């Protein structure tokens, strides 16, 4: 992702192909580290502290939903419902 950031800044007219293919669970964790932890909640109302309390489960849930894997039964897709709430 660092290379993409560099390319964006140095070649603003470049059009990227298949950025989705670069996503994986590791990149989701890396993006979490760069997230503005002081930002307001998203449209789903989830605040950072609640998401962070179950970070591993939430990122796994997000990963499964993004990549079409088998979603565990306890995983409630959609943060509005509280992604990966405990059963």
PDB file of N, CA and C in Angstrom:
ATOM      1  N   UNK A   1       0.807  -1.193   0.000  1.00  0.00           N
ATOM      2  CA  UNK A   1       0.000   0.000   0.000  1.00  0.00           C
ATOM      3  C   UNK A   1       0.854   1.262   0.000  1.00  0.00           C
ATOM      4  N   UNK A   2       2.023   1.188   0.571  1.00  0.00           N
ATOM      5  CA  UNK A   2       2.904   2.354   0.585  1.00  0.00           C
ATOM      6  C   UNK A   2       3.266   2.759  -0.832  1.00  0.00           C
ATOM      7  N   UNK A   3       3.489   1.783  -1.687  1.00  0.00           N
ATOM      8  CA  UNK A   3       3.800   2.087  -3.087  1.00  0.00           C
ATOM      9  C   UNK A   3       2.630   2.777  -3.774  1.00  0.00           C
ATOM     10  N   UNK A   4       1.422   2.380  -3.431  1.00  0.00           N
ATOM     11  CA  UNK A   4       0.236   3.007  -4.014  1.00  0.00           C
ATOM     12  C   UNK A   4       0.144   4.459  -3.561  1.00  0.00           C
ATOM     13  N   UNK A   5       0.373   4.687  -2.285  1.00  0.00           N
ATOM     14  CA  UNK A   5       0.347   6.056  -1.759  1.00  0.00           C
ATOM     15  C   UNK A   5       1.367   6.921  -2.486  1.00  0.00           C
ATOM     16  N   UNK A   6       2.569   6.383  -2.683  1.00  0.00           N
ATOM     17  CA  UNK A   6       3.614   7.112  -3.403  1.00  0.00           C
ATOM     18  C   UNK A   6       3.161   7.431  -4.824  1.00  0.00           C
ATOM     19  N   UNK A   7       2.577   6.448  -5.493  1.00  0.00           N
ATOM     20  CA  UNK A   7       2.131   6.631  -6.885  1.00  0.00           C
ATOM     21  C   UNK A   7       1.036   7.692  -6.956  1.00  0.00           C
ATOM     22  N   UNK A   8       0.131   7.684  -6.006  1.00  0.00           N
ATOM     23  CA  UNK A   8      -0.955   8.681  -5.976  1.00  0.00           C
ATOM     24  C   UNK A   8      -0.386  10.087  -5.903  1.00  0.00           C
ATOM     25  N   UNK A   9       0.625  10.272  -5.054  1.00  0.00           N
ATOM     26  CA  UNK A   9       1.191  11.606  -4.867  1.00  0.00           C
ATOM     27  C   UNK A   9       2.083  12.041  -6.022  1.00  0.00           C
ATOM     28  N   UNK A  10       2.767  11.102  -6.643  1.00  0.00           N
ATOM     29  CA  UNK A  10       3.702  11.468  -7.707  1.00  0.00           C
ATOM     30  C   UNK A  10       3.079  11.461  -9.093  1.00  0.00           C
ATOM     31  N   UNK A  11       1.981  10.714  -9.262  1.00  0.00           N
ATOM     32  CA  UNK A  11       1.313  10.621 -10.575  1.00  0.00           C
ATOM     33  C   UNK A  11      -0.205  10.753 -10.383  1.00  0.00           C
ATOM     34  N   UNK A  12      -0.683  11.957 -10.074  1.00  0.00           N
ATOM     35  CA  UNK A  12      -2.097  12.139  -9.732  1.00  0.00           C
ATOM     36  C   UNK A  12      -3.082  11.755 -10.840  1.00  0.00           C
ATOM     37  N   UNK A  13      -2.645  11.689 -12.090  1.00  0.00           N
ATOM     38  CA  UNK A  13      -3.562  11.327 -13.181  1.00  0.00           C
ATOM     39  C   UNK A  13      -3.589   9.828 -13.458  1.00  0.00           C
ATOM     40  N   UNK A  14      -2.741   9.066 -12.756  1.00  0.00           N
ATOM     41  CA  UNK A  14      -2.700   7.611 -12.964  1.00  0.00           C
ATOM     42  C   UNK A  14      -4.019   6.976 -12.517  1.00  0.00           C
ATOM     43  N   UNK A  15      -4.502   6.014 -13.271  1.00  0.00           N
ATOM     44  CA  UNK A  15      -5.723   5.284 -12.931  1.00  0.00           C
ATOM     45  C   UNK A  15      -5.334   3.859 -12.567  1.00  0.00           C
ATOM     46  N   UNK A  16      -5.693   3.456 -11.358  1.00  0.00           N
ATOM     47  CA  UNK A  16      -5.322   2.144 -10.853  1.00  0.00           C
ATOM     48  C   UNK A  16      -6.321   1.078 -11.296  1.00  0.00           C
ATOM     49  N   UNK A  17      -5.823  -0.126 -11.439  1.00  0.00           N
ATOM     50  CA  UNK A  17      -6.652  -1.276 -11.789  1.00  0.00           C
ATOM     51  C   UNK A  17      -6.643  -2.260 -10.617  1.00  0.00           C
ATOM     52  N   UNK A  18      -7.767  -2.795 -10.253  1.00  0.00           N
ATOM     53  CA  UNK A  18      -7.902  -3.879  -9.284  1.00  0.00           C
ATOM     54  C   UNK A  18      -7.222  -3.615  -7.934  1.00  0.00           C
ATOM     55  N   UNK A  19      -7.549  -2.519  -7.298  1.00  0.00           N
ATOM     56  CA  UNK A  19      -7.047  -2.286  -5.945  1.00  0.00           C
ATOM     57  C   UNK A  19      -7.641  -3.296  -4.963  1.00  0.00           C
ATOM     58  N   UNK A  20      -8.819  -3.790  -5.265  1.00  0.00           N
ATOM     59  CA  UNK A  20      -9.460  -4.801  -4.424  1.00  0.00           C
ATOM     60  C   UNK A  20      -8.567  -6.024  -4.260  1.00  0.00           C
ATOM     61  N   UNK A  21      -7.841  -6.369  -5.313  1.00  0.00           N
ATOM     62  CA  UNK A  21      -6.955  -7.521  -5.269  1.00  0.00           C
ATOM     63  C   UNK A  21      -5.793  -7.361  -4.302  1.00  0.00           C
ATOM     64  N   UNK A  22      -5.514  -6.132  -3.884  1.00  0.00           N
ATOM     65  CA  UNK A  22      -4.420  -5.883  -2.949  1.00  0.00           C
ATOM     66  C   UNK A  22      -4.854  -5.992  -1.491  1.00  0.00           C
ATOM     67  N   UNK A  23      -6.165  -6.072  -1.267  1.00  0.00           N
ATOM     68  CA  UNK A  23      -6.660  -6.172   0.102  1.00  0.00           C
ATOM     69  C   UNK A  23      -6.495  -7.588   0.632  1.00  0.00           C
ATOM     70  N   UNK A  24      -6.103  -7.686   1.870  1.00  0.00           N
ATOM     71  CA  UNK A  24      -6.088  -8.958   2.587  1.00  0.00           C
ATOM     72  C   UNK A  24      -6.159  -8.640   4.076  1.00  0.00           C
ATOM     73  N   UNK A  25      -6.217  -9.657   4.896  1.00  0.00           N
ATOM     74  CA  UNK A  25      -6.356  -9.434   6.333  1.00  0.00           C
ATOM     75  C   UNK A  25      -5.192  -8.626   6.888  1.00  0.00           C
ATOM     76  N   UNK A  26      -3.983  -8.908   6.430  1.00  0.00           N
ATOM     77  CA  UNK A  26      -2.818  -8.147   6.909  1.00  0.00           C
ATOM     78  C   UNK A  26      -2.939  -6.667   6.557  1.00  0.00           C
ATOM     79  N   UNK A  27      -3.395  -6.372   5.341  1.00  0.00           N
ATOM     80  CA  UNK A  27      -3.530  -4.964   4.955  1.00  0.00           C
ATOM     81  C   UNK A  27      -4.630  -4.279   5.759  1.00  0.00           C
ATOM     82  N   UNK A  28      -5.668  -5.017   6.168  1.00  0.00           N
ATOM     83  CA  UNK A  28      -6.710  -4.431   7.020  1.00  0.00           C
ATOM     84  C   UNK A  28      -6.139  -4.053   8.384  1.00  0.00           C
ATOM     85  N   UNK A  29      -5.273  -4.907   8.940  1.00  0.00           N
ATOM     86  CA  UNK A  29      -4.620  -4.579  10.207  1.00  0.00           C
ATOM     87  C   UNK A  29      -3.699  -3.367  10.053  1.00  0.00           C
ATOM     88  N   UNK A  30      -2.983  -3.293   8.943  1.00  0.00           N
ATOM     89  CA  UNK A  30      -2.097  -2.150   8.713  1.00  0.00           C
ATOM     90  C   UNK A  30      -2.895  -0.862   8.617  1.00  0.00           C
ATOM     91  N   UNK A  31      -4.028  -0.899   7.927  1.00  0.00           N
ATOM     92  CA  UNK A  31      -4.872   0.294   7.802  1.00  0.00           C
ATOM     93  C   UNK A  31      -5.437   0.677   9.158  1.00  0.00           C
ATOM     94  N   UNK A  32      -5.762  -0.323  10.001  1.00  0.00           N
ATOM     95  CA  UNK A  32      -6.271  -0.036  11.345  1.00  0.00           C
ATOM     96  C   UNK A  32      -5.253   0.809  12.110  1.00  0.00           C
ATOM     97  N   UNK A  33      -3.972   0.461  11.996  1.00  0.00           N
ATOM     98  CA  UNK A  33      -2.931   1.196  12.704  1.00  0.00           C
ATOM     99  C   UNK A  33      -2.856   2.645  12.235  1.00  0.00           C
ATOM    100  N   UNK A  34      -3.202   2.919  10.987  1.00  0.00           N
ATOM    101  CA  UNK A  34      -3.116   4.267  10.432  1.00  0.00           C
ATOM    102  C   UNK A  34      -4.426   5.053  10.585  1.00  0.00           C
ATOM    103  N   UNK A  35      -5.447   4.409  11.095  1.00  0.00           N
ATOM    104  CA  UNK A  35      -6.755   5.043  11.236  1.00  0.00           C
ATOM    105  C   UNK A  35      -6.720   6.168  12.263  1.00  0.00           C
ATOM    106  N   UNK A  36      -7.419   7.236  11.984  1.00  0.00           N
ATOM    107  CA  UNK A  36      -7.537   8.352  12.921  1.00  0.00           C
ATOM    108  C   UNK A  36      -8.452   7.919  14.061  1.00  0.00           C
ATOM    109  N   UNK A  37      -7.857   7.624  15.195  1.00  0.00           N
ATOM    110  CA  UNK A  37      -8.622   7.110  16.341  1.00  0.00           C
ATOM    111  C   UNK A  37      -9.477   8.193  17.009  1.00  0.00           C
ATOM    112  N   UNK A  38      -9.294   9.453  16.626  1.00  0.00           N
ATOM    113  CA  UNK A  38     -10.066  10.555  17.192  1.00  0.00           C
ATOM    114  C   UNK A  38     -11.252  10.941  16.301  1.00  0.00           C
ATOM    115  N   UNK A  39     -11.424  10.242  15.193  1.00  0.00           N
ATOM    116  CA  UNK A  39     -12.492  10.582  14.250  1.00  0.00           C
ATOM    117  C   UNK A  39     -13.871  10.276  14.836  1.00  0.00           C
ATOM    118  N   UNK A  40     -14.859  10.937  14.294  1.00  0.00           N
ATOM    119  CA  UNK A  40     -16.242  10.706  14.701  1.00  0.00           C
ATOM    120  C   UNK A  40     -16.692   9.317  14.230  1.00  0.00           C
ATOM    121  N   UNK A  41     -17.704   8.746  14.881  1.00  0.00           N
ATOM    122  CA  UNK A  41     -18.227   7.454  14.438  1.00  0.00           C
ATOM    123  C   UNK A  41     -18.718   7.524  12.994  1.00  0.00           C
ATOM    124  N   UNK A  42     -18.699   6.392  12.327  1.00  0.00           N
ATOM    125  CA  UNK A  42     -19.193   6.319  10.956  1.00  0.00           C
ATOM    126  C   UNK A  42     -20.708   6.320  10.915  1.00  0.00           C
ATOM    127  N   UNK A  43     -21.250   6.096   9.742  1.00  0.00           N
ATOM    128  CA  UNK A  43     -22.699   6.104   9.560  1.00  0.00           C
ATOM    129  C   UNK A  43     -23.387   5.023  10.382  1.00  0.00           C
ATOM    130  N   UNK A  44     -22.642   3.982  10.711  1.00  0.00           N
ATOM    131  CA  UNK A  44     -23.210   2.889  11.502  1.00  0.00           C
ATOM    132  C   UNK A  44     -23.231   3.207  12.994  1.00  0.00           C
ATOM    133  N   UNK A  45     -22.593   4.305  13.412  1.00  0.00           N
ATOM    134  CA  UNK A  45     -22.598   4.696  14.810  1.00  0.00           C
ATOM    135  C   UNK A  45     -21.570   3.967  15.662  1.00  0.00           C
ATOM    136  N   UNK A  46     -20.788   3.084  15.069  1.00  0.00           N
ATOM    137  CA  UNK A  46     -19.782   2.318  15.815  1.00  0.00           C
ATOM    138  C   UNK A  46     -18.638   3.250  16.210  1.00  0.00           C
ATOM    139  N   UNK A  47     -18.340   3.291  17.502  1.00  0.00           N
ATOM    140  CA  UNK A  47     -17.210   4.114  17.948  1.00  0.00           C
ATOM    141  C   UNK A  47     -15.967   3.238  18.031  1.00  0.00           C
ATOM    142  N   UNK A  48     -14.830   3.895  17.915  1.00  0.00           N
ATOM    143  CA  UNK A  48     -13.549   3.205  17.803  1.00  0.00           C
ATOM    144  C   UNK A  48     -13.280   2.278  18.982  1.00  0.00           C
ATOM    145  N   UNK A  49     -13.617   2.709  20.189  1.00  0.00           N
ATOM    146  CA  UNK A  49     -13.344   1.886  21.370  1.00  0.00           C
ATOM    147  C   UNK A  49     -14.107   0.566  21.335  1.00  0.00           C
ATOM    148  N   UNK A  50     -15.350   0.602  20.902  1.00  0.00           N
ATOM    149  CA  UNK A  50     -16.141  -0.627  20.822  1.00  0.00           C
ATOM    150  C   UNK A  50     -15.590  -1.560  19.750  1.00  0.00           C
ATOM    151  N   UNK A  51     -15.201  -1.005  18.626  1.00  0.00           N
ATOM    152  CA  UNK A  51     -14.641  -1.830  17.554  1.00  0.00           C
ATOM    153  C   UNK A  51     -13.321  -2.444  18.001  1.00  0.00           C
ATOM    154  N   UNK A  52     -12.514  -1.672  18.699  1.00  0.00           N
ATOM    155  CA  UNK A  52     -11.198  -2.131  19.123  1.00  0.00           C
ATOM    156  C   UNK A  52     -11.275  -3.225  20.180  1.00  0.00           C
ATOM    157  N   UNK A  53     -12.311  -3.224  21.003  1.00  0.00           N
ATOM    158  CA  UNK A  53     -12.458  -4.244  22.038  1.00  0.00           C
ATOM    159  C   UNK A  53     -12.486  -5.649  21.445  1.00  0.00           C
ATOM    160  N   UNK A  54     -13.015  -5.783  20.239  1.00  0.00           N
ATOM    161  CA  UNK A  54     -13.075  -7.081  19.566  1.00  0.00           C
ATOM    162  C   UNK A  54     -12.408  -6.963  18.194  1.00  0.00           C
ATOM    163  N   UNK A  55     -11.233  -6.340  18.178  1.00  0.00           N
ATOM    164  CA  UNK A  55     -10.556  -6.023  16.928  1.00  0.00           C
ATOM    165  C   UNK A  55     -10.319  -7.259  16.065  1.00  0.00           C
ATOM    166  N   UNK A  56      -9.783  -8.314  16.629  1.00  0.00           N
ATOM    167  CA  UNK A  56      -9.471  -9.512  15.839  1.00  0.00           C
ATOM    168  C   UNK A  56     -10.752 -10.084  15.231  1.00  0.00           C
ATOM    169  N   UNK A  57     -11.789 -10.224  16.033  1.00  0.00           N
ATOM    170  CA  UNK A  57     -13.060 -10.763  15.523  1.00  0.00           C
ATOM    171  C   UNK A  57     -13.660  -9.832  14.471  1.00  0.00           C
ATOM    172  N   UNK A  58     -13.593  -8.522  14.697  1.00  0.00           N
ATOM    173  CA  UNK A  58     -14.165  -7.569  13.745  1.00  0.00           C
ATOM    174  C   UNK A  58     -13.412  -7.575  12.418  1.00  0.00           C
ATOM    175  N   UNK A  59     -12.089  -7.625  12.472  1.00  0.00           N
ATOM    176  CA  UNK A  59     -11.324  -7.652  11.221  1.00  0.00           C
ATOM    177  C   UNK A  59     -11.536  -8.975  10.500  1.00  0.00           C
ATOM    178  N   UNK A  60     -11.613 -10.072  11.234  1.00  0.00           N
ATOM    179  CA  UNK A  60     -11.908 -11.362  10.596  1.00  0.00           C
ATOM    180  C   UNK A  60     -13.281 -11.343   9.935  1.00  0.00           C
ATOM    181  N   UNK A  61     -14.254 -10.743  10.602  1.00  0.00           N
ATOM    182  CA  UNK A  61     -15.602 -10.626  10.044  1.00  0.00           C
ATOM    183  C   UNK A  61     -15.578  -9.780   8.770  1.00  0.00           C
ATOM    184  N   UNK A  62     -14.882  -8.657   8.828  1.00  0.00           N
ATOM    185  CA  UNK A  62     -14.759  -7.786   7.666  1.00  0.00           C
ATOM    186  C   UNK A  62     -14.066  -8.516   6.522  1.00  0.00           C
ATOM    187  N   UNK A  63     -13.012  -9.232   6.844  1.00  0.00           N
ATOM    188  CA  UNK A  63     -12.271  -9.989   5.842  1.00  0.00           C
ATOM    189  C   UNK A  63     -13.168 -11.026   5.169  1.00  0.00           C
ATOM    190  N   UNK A  64     -13.918 -11.774   5.980  1.00  0.00           N
ATOM    191  CA  UNK A  64     -14.826 -12.782   5.422  1.00  0.00           C
ATOM    192  C   UNK A  64     -15.879 -12.143   4.523  1.00  0.00           C
ATOM    193  N   UNK A  65     -16.417 -11.013   4.953  1.00  0.00           N
ATOM    194  CA  UNK A  65     -17.461 -10.380   4.146  1.00  0.00           C
ATOM    195  C   UNK A  65     -16.903  -9.783   2.859  1.00  0.00           C
ATOM    196  N   UNK A  66     -15.666  -9.268   2.904  1.00  0.00           N
ATOM    197  CA  UNK A  66     -15.052  -8.695   1.708  1.00  0.00           C
ATOM    198  C   UNK A  66     -14.658  -9.742   0.680  1.00  0.00           C
ATOM    199  N   UNK A  67     -14.149 -10.855   1.167  1.00  0.00           N
ATOM    200  CA  UNK A  67     -13.543 -11.826   0.264  1.00  0.00           C
ATOM    201  C   UNK A  67     -14.420 -13.033  -0.011  1.00  0.00           C
ATOM    202  N   UNK A  68     -15.668 -13.000   0.420  1.00  0.00           N
ATOM    203  CA  UNK A  68     -16.617 -14.052   0.080  1.00  0.00           C
ATOM    204  C   UNK A  68     -16.369 -15.383   0.745  1.00  0.00           C
ATOM    205  N   UNK A  69     -15.653 -15.358   1.865  1.00  0.00           N
ATOM    206  CA  UNK A  69     -15.428 -16.601   2.597  1.00  0.00           C
ATOM    207  C   UNK A  69     -16.678 -17.019   3.335  1.00  0.00           C
ATOM    208  N   UNK A  70     -16.598 -18.137   3.992  1.00  0.00           N
ATOM    209  CA  UNK A  70     -17.708 -18.610   4.801  1.00  0.00           C
ATOM    210  C   UNK A  70     -17.731 -17.780   6.069  1.00  0.00           C
ATOM    211  N   UNK A  71     -18.835 -17.113   6.303  1.00  0.00           N
ATOM    212  CA  UNK A  71     -18.957 -16.235   7.455  1.00  0.00           C
ATOM    213  C   UNK A  71     -19.455 -17.055   8.637  1.00  0.00           C
ATOM    214  N   UNK A  72     -18.740 -17.019   9.770  1.00  0.00           N
ATOM    215  CA  UNK A  72     -19.187 -17.773  10.940  1.00  0.00           C
ATOM    216  C   UNK A  72     -20.589 -17.368  11.347  1.00  0.00           C
ATOM    217  N   UNK A  73     -21.359 -18.305  11.879  1.00  0.00           N
ATOM    218  CA  UNK A  73     -22.754 -18.045  12.254  1.00  0.00           C
ATOM    219  C   UNK A  73     -22.869 -16.905  13.253  1.00  0.00           C
ATOM    220  N   UNK A  74     -21.887 -16.765  14.150  1.00  0.00           N
ATOM    221  CA  UNK A  74     -21.959 -15.708  15.164  1.00  0.00           C
ATOM    222  C   UNK A  74     -21.650 -14.332  14.589  1.00  0.00           C
ATOM    223  N   UNK A  75     -21.156 -14.287  13.373  1.00  0.00           N
ATOM    224  CA  UNK A  75     -20.754 -13.026  12.762  1.00  0.00           C
ATOM    225  C   UNK A  75     -21.961 -12.350  12.138  1.00  0.00           C
ATOM    226  N   UNK A  76     -22.340 -11.236  12.701  1.00  0.00           N
ATOM    227  CA  UNK A  76     -23.458 -10.454  12.179  1.00  0.00           C
ATOM    228  C   UNK A  76     -22.882  -9.432  11.213  1.00  0.00           C
ATOM    229  N   UNK A  77     -23.072  -9.657   9.929  1.00  0.00           N
ATOM    230  CA  UNK A  77     -22.507  -8.737   8.942  1.00  0.00           C
ATOM    231  C   UNK A  77     -23.199  -7.397   9.003  1.00  0.00           C
ATOM    232  N   UNK A  78     -22.442  -6.362   8.824  1.00  0.00           N
ATOM    233  CA  UNK A  78     -22.962  -5.013   8.851  1.00  0.00           C
ATOM    234  C   UNK A  78     -22.730  -4.411  10.209  1.00  0.00           C
ATOM    235  N   UNK A  79     -21.894  -3.406  10.259  1.00  0.00           N
ATOM    236  CA  UNK A  79     -21.530  -2.814  11.545  1.00  0.00           C
ATOM    237  C   UNK A  79     -22.742  -2.212  12.253  1.00  0.00           C
ATOM    238  N   UNK A  80     -23.789  -1.850  11.490  1.00  0.00           N
ATOM    239  CA  UNK A  80     -24.988  -1.289  12.121  1.00  0.00           C
ATOM    240  C   UNK A  80     -25.601  -2.307  13.073  1.00  0.00           C
ATOM    241  N   UNK A  81     -25.413  -3.587  12.777  1.00  0.00           N
ATOM    242  CA  UNK A  81     -25.903  -4.642  13.645  1.00  0.00           C
ATOM    243  C   UNK A  81     -24.830  -5.051  14.639  1.00  0.00           C
ATOM    244  N   UNK A  82     -23.656  -4.462  14.547  1.00  0.00           N
ATOM    245  CA  UNK A  82     -22.563  -4.791  15.454  1.00  0.00           C
ATOM    246  C   UNK A  82     -21.784  -5.976  14.919  1.00  0.00           C
ATOM    247  N   UNK A  83     -21.006  -5.763  13.901  1.00  0.00           N
ATOM    248  CA  UNK A  83     -20.280  -6.834  13.225  1.00  0.00           C
ATOM    249  C   UNK A  83     -19.595  -7.743  14.235  1.00  0.00           C
ATOM    250  N   UNK A  84     -19.840  -9.004  14.094  1.00  0.00           N
ATOM    251  CA  UNK A  84     -19.213 -10.045  14.913  1.00  0.00           C
ATOM    252  C   UNK A  84     -19.500  -9.882  16.397  1.00  0.00           C
ATOM    253  N   UNK A  85     -20.737  -9.635  16.724  1.00  0.00           N
ATOM    254  CA  UNK A  85     -21.113  -9.594  18.138  1.00  0.00           C
ATOM    255  C   UNK A  85     -20.959 -10.978  18.738  1.00  0.00           C
ATOM    256  N   UNK A  86     -20.728 -10.998  20.030  1.00  0.00           N
ATOM    257  CA  UNK A  86     -20.676 -12.292  20.709  1.00  0.00           C
ATOM    258  C   UNK A  86     -22.052 -12.930  20.661  1.00  0.00           C
ATOM    259  N   UNK A  87     -22.087 -14.260  20.565  1.00  0.00           N
ATOM    260  CA  UNK A  87     -23.366 -14.984  20.527  1.00  0.00           C
ATOM    261  C   UNK A  87     -24.047 -14.916  21.871  1.00  0.00           C
TER     262      UNK A  87
END
